[in-house]
């Protein structure tokens, strides 16, 4: 019984001790501590919201990148499949002209008229190619240029200057100024006959 009374008094003493008024310094510290806890909680909520926003932006960026890749792949396939559509459309009239020329040639013995028709078709085709940046390399009588000409043979000619193109075996073409195919040509290579005679004379000791 005495023990219980003693414990009861101690409990009352502790309650009185806790209920004692705090000093101004202790109150200020308590307020600052409570404010810090509130600030930390607010900062944590803001960071959690920022993380959620960044993750949402990441997901949207990944989705946009995936859509871009799909669009780019489709566009690439379309270019491969239909990129030559304009060229083909411009060549179709040339084929139509050939059809008409062949129909007209049946039973017609006028070779000159047939040649004129072919020339018109050729001009029509070259005009269509020029629209797409294709041009012929004019090389007859020009100085041989290894950048645009391919020499098939060298010929000694009195009618042409040295290193000039004599004949053209196959036409060369440029595409927007860049070499598409070189012209296959023969080139004049002068042989100095007087030098040859002098060389032979020296060799023979004459």
Protein backbone atom coordinates (compact mmCIF):
# COMPACT_ATOMS: atom_id res chain seq x y z
CA UNK A 1 0.00 0.00 0.00
CA UNK A 2 2.80 2.41 0.90
CA UNK A 3 4.58 1.47 -2.31
CA UNK A 4 1.55 2.38 -4.41
CA UNK A 5 1.25 5.76 -2.66
CA UNK A 6 4.93 6.43 -3.35
CA UNK A 7 4.56 5.63 -7.04
CA UNK A 8 1.50 7.85 -7.21
CA UNK A 9 3.42 10.79 -5.72
CA UNK A 10 6.27 10.28 -8.20
CA UNK A 11 3.82 10.27 -11.11
CA UNK A 12 2.27 13.54 -9.86
CA UNK A 13 5.73 15.05 -9.46
CA UNK A 14 6.64 14.16 -13.04
CA UNK A 15 3.42 15.67 -14.35
CA UNK A 16 4.12 18.84 -12.40
CA UNK A 17 7.64 18.88 -13.75
CA UNK A 18 6.40 18.60 -17.37
CA UNK A 19 3.73 21.16 -16.82
CA UNK A 20 6.16 23.71 -15.55
CA UNK A 21 6.26 26.83 -17.73
CA UNK A 22 9.09 26.99 -20.34
CA UNK A 23 11.57 29.82 -20.55
CA UNK A 24 11.42 32.26 -23.53
CA UNK A 25 14.53 30.65 -25.05
CA UNK A 26 12.98 27.20 -24.84
CA UNK A 27 9.76 28.45 -26.39
CA UNK A 28 11.69 30.09 -29.25
CA UNK A 29 13.65 26.89 -29.90
CA UNK A 30 10.46 24.87 -29.90
CA UNK A 31 8.82 27.24 -32.38
CA UNK A 32 11.89 27.19 -34.65
CA UNK A 33 12.01 23.40 -34.53
CA UNK A 34 8.32 23.16 -35.41
CA UNK A 35 8.82 25.67 -38.29
CA UNK A 36 11.79 23.69 -39.63
CA UNK A 37 9.69 20.53 -39.62
CA UNK A 38 6.96 22.34 -41.57
CA UNK A 39 9.52 23.75 -44.08
CA UNK A 40 11.09 20.33 -44.60
CA UNK A 41 7.69 18.80 -45.20
CA UNK A 42 6.83 21.50 -47.76
CA UNK A 43 10.21 21.05 -49.52
CA UNK A 44 9.70 17.30 -49.61
CA UNK A 45 6.25 17.69 -51.17
CA UNK A 46 7.65 20.13 -53.76
CA UNK A 47 10.49 17.74 -54.66
CA UNK A 48 8.08 14.83 -54.96
CA UNK A 49 5.92 16.91 -57.31
CA UNK A 50 9.01 17.94 -59.31
CA UNK A 51 10.11 14.31 -59.65
CA UNK A 52 6.62 13.32 -60.81
CA UNK A 53 6.59 16.15 -63.38
CA UNK A 54 10.05 15.21 -64.68
CA UNK A 55 9.06 11.58 -65.01
CA UNK A 56 5.94 12.57 -66.93
CA UNK A 57 8.06 14.74 -69.25
CA UNK A 58 10.44 11.81 -69.75
CA UNK A 59 7.60 9.47 -70.72
CA UNK A 60 6.23 12.02 -73.20
CA UNK A 61 9.71 12.58 -74.69
CA UNK A 62 10.19 8.83 -75.15
CA UNK A 63 6.79 8.56 -76.83
CA UNK A 64 7.55 11.50 -79.15
CA UNK A 65 10.93 10.03 -80.08
CA UNK A 66 9.32 6.68 -80.87
CA UNK A 67 6.69 8.39 -83.05
CA UNK A 68 9.42 10.39 -84.83
CA UNK A 69 11.37 7.22 -85.60
CA UNK A 70 8.26 5.60 -87.03
CA UNK A 71 7.48 8.65 -89.19
CA UNK A 72 11.09 8.87 -90.41
CA UNK A 73 11.13 5.17 -91.32
CA UNK A 74 7.86 5.53 -93.25
CA UNK A 75 9.09 8.65 -95.07
CA UNK A 76 12.31 6.84 -96.01
CA UNK A 77 10.34 3.93 -97.45
CA UNK A 78 8.12 6.35 -99.40
CA UNK A 79 11.20 8.08 -100.82
CA UNK A 80 12.68 4.76 -101.91
CA UNK A 81 9.38 3.67 -103.47
CA UNK A 82 8.19 6.92 -105.02
CA UNK A 83 11.26 9.19 -105.13
CA UNK A 84 11.61 8.73 -108.91
CA UNK A 85 7.97 9.48 -109.64
CA UNK A 86 8.63 12.92 -111.18
CA UNK A 87 11.37 11.56 -113.46
CA UNK A 88 9.17 8.71 -114.66
CA UNK A 89 6.26 11.07 -115.34
CA UNK A 90 8.53 13.22 -117.52
CA UNK A 91 9.80 10.16 -119.43
CA UNK A 92 6.32 8.76 -120.17
CA UNK A 93 5.65 11.30 -122.98
CA UNK A 94 8.93 10.17 -124.57
CA UNK A 95 7.64 6.57 -124.60
CA UNK A 96 4.35 7.81 -126.10
CA UNK A 97 6.31 9.53 -128.87
CA UNK A 98 8.24 6.33 -129.57
CA UNK A 99 4.96 4.42 -129.83
CA UNK A 100 3.63 6.93 -132.34
CA UNK A 101 6.90 6.88 -134.32
CA UNK A 102 6.84 3.09 -134.57
CA UNK A 103 3.21 3.12 -135.69
CA UNK A 104 4.00 5.75 -138.31
CA UNK A 105 7.07 3.81 -139.52
CA UNK A 106 4.98 0.77 -140.45
CA UNK A 107 4.69 0.72 -144.24
CA UNK A 108 6.57 4.05 -144.52
CA UNK A 109 9.77 3.90 -146.56
CA UNK A 110 10.75 7.55 -146.03
CA UNK A 111 13.89 7.08 -143.93
CA UNK A 112 14.54 10.81 -143.65
CA UNK A 113 11.12 11.44 -142.09
CA UNK A 114 11.76 8.58 -139.67
CA UNK A 115 15.14 10.06 -138.70
CA UNK A 116 13.58 13.46 -138.15
CA UNK A 117 10.98 11.87 -135.91
CA UNK A 118 13.68 10.13 -133.88
CA UNK A 119 15.57 13.42 -133.58
CA UNK A 120 12.47 15.11 -132.18
CA UNK A 121 12.05 12.30 -129.66
CA UNK A 122 15.70 12.60 -128.67
CA UNK A 123 15.33 16.34 -128.11
CA UNK A 124 12.18 15.73 -126.10
CA UNK A 125 13.98 13.23 -123.85
CA UNK A 126 17.01 15.48 -123.36
CA UNK A 127 14.67 18.34 -122.45
CA UNK A 128 12.98 16.17 -119.82
CA UNK A 129 16.34 15.12 -118.36
CA UNK A 130 17.54 18.72 -118.28
CA UNK A 131 14.59 19.59 -116.03
CA UNK A 132 16.11 17.20 -113.50
CA UNK A 133 19.63 18.64 -113.79
CA UNK A 134 21.00 16.19 -116.38
CA UNK A 135 23.20 17.74 -119.09
CA UNK A 136 25.40 16.38 -121.83
CA UNK A 137 29.15 16.92 -121.76
CA UNK A 138 30.15 18.70 -124.97
CA UNK A 139 33.61 17.45 -125.81
CA UNK A 140 34.07 17.31 -129.60
CA UNK A 141 37.10 19.50 -130.44
CA UNK A 142 37.60 20.34 -126.77
CA UNK A 143 40.77 19.95 -124.73
CA UNK A 144 40.95 16.50 -123.14
CA UNK A 145 39.95 16.73 -119.48
CA UNK A 146 40.41 13.57 -117.37
CA UNK A 147 37.78 14.92 -114.96
CA UNK A 148 35.08 14.53 -117.62
CA UNK A 149 36.61 12.40 -120.40
CA UNK A 150 37.79 8.80 -120.58
CA UNK A 151 40.41 8.24 -123.28
CA UNK A 152 39.77 5.04 -125.21
CA UNK A 153 42.69 5.55 -127.60
CA UNK A 154 45.27 8.08 -128.77
CA UNK A 155 45.41 9.02 -132.45
CA UNK A 156 48.01 10.95 -134.43
CA UNK A 157 46.03 13.46 -136.50
CA UNK A 158 47.25 16.33 -138.65
CA UNK A 159 43.77 17.93 -138.55
CA UNK A 160 43.70 18.28 -134.76
CA UNK A 161 45.87 19.91 -132.14
CA UNK A 162 47.70 17.86 -129.54
CA UNK A 163 45.54 16.64 -126.62
CA UNK A 164 42.28 17.58 -128.39
CA UNK A 165 39.28 15.26 -128.48
CA UNK A 166 38.84 13.76 -131.96
CA UNK A 167 35.89 11.37 -131.70
CA UNK A 168 33.24 10.65 -129.11
CA UNK A 169 32.25 7.00 -128.73
CA UNK A 170 29.83 7.39 -125.86
CA UNK A 171 28.20 10.55 -124.52
CA UNK A 172 29.02 11.75 -121.03
CA UNK A 173 26.53 13.40 -118.69
CA UNK A 174 26.49 15.68 -115.64
CA UNK A 175 23.91 15.68 -112.87
CA UNK A 176 23.61 19.17 -111.37
CA UNK A 177 27.23 19.83 -112.28
CA UNK A 178 28.54 16.54 -110.87
CA UNK A 179 29.90 13.83 -113.16
CA UNK A 180 27.29 11.17 -113.82
CA UNK A 181 29.17 9.36 -116.57
CA UNK A 182 32.38 10.38 -118.42
CA UNK A 183 32.52 10.76 -122.17
CA UNK A 184 34.45 7.96 -123.91
CA UNK A 185 36.67 9.59 -126.51
CA UNK A 186 39.74 9.32 -128.72
CA UNK A 187 42.45 11.94 -128.20
CA UNK A 188 44.94 13.49 -130.59
CA UNK A 189 48.55 12.72 -129.66
CA UNK A 190 50.99 14.44 -131.96
CA UNK A 191 54.13 12.52 -132.88
CA UNK A 192 57.09 14.80 -133.56
CA UNK A 193 58.49 13.17 -136.71
CA UNK A 194 61.53 15.50 -136.86
CA UNK A 195 62.56 14.47 -133.34
CA UNK A 196 62.15 10.80 -134.28
CA UNK A 197 64.40 11.26 -137.31
CA UNK A 198 67.03 13.00 -135.18
CA UNK A 199 66.87 10.31 -132.54
CA UNK A 200 67.31 7.56 -135.17
CA UNK A 201 70.27 9.43 -136.69
CA UNK A 202 72.02 9.68 -133.32
CA UNK A 203 71.40 6.02 -132.60
CA UNK A 204 72.89 5.02 -135.97
CA UNK A 205 75.93 7.29 -135.45
CA UNK A 206 75.31 9.24 -138.62
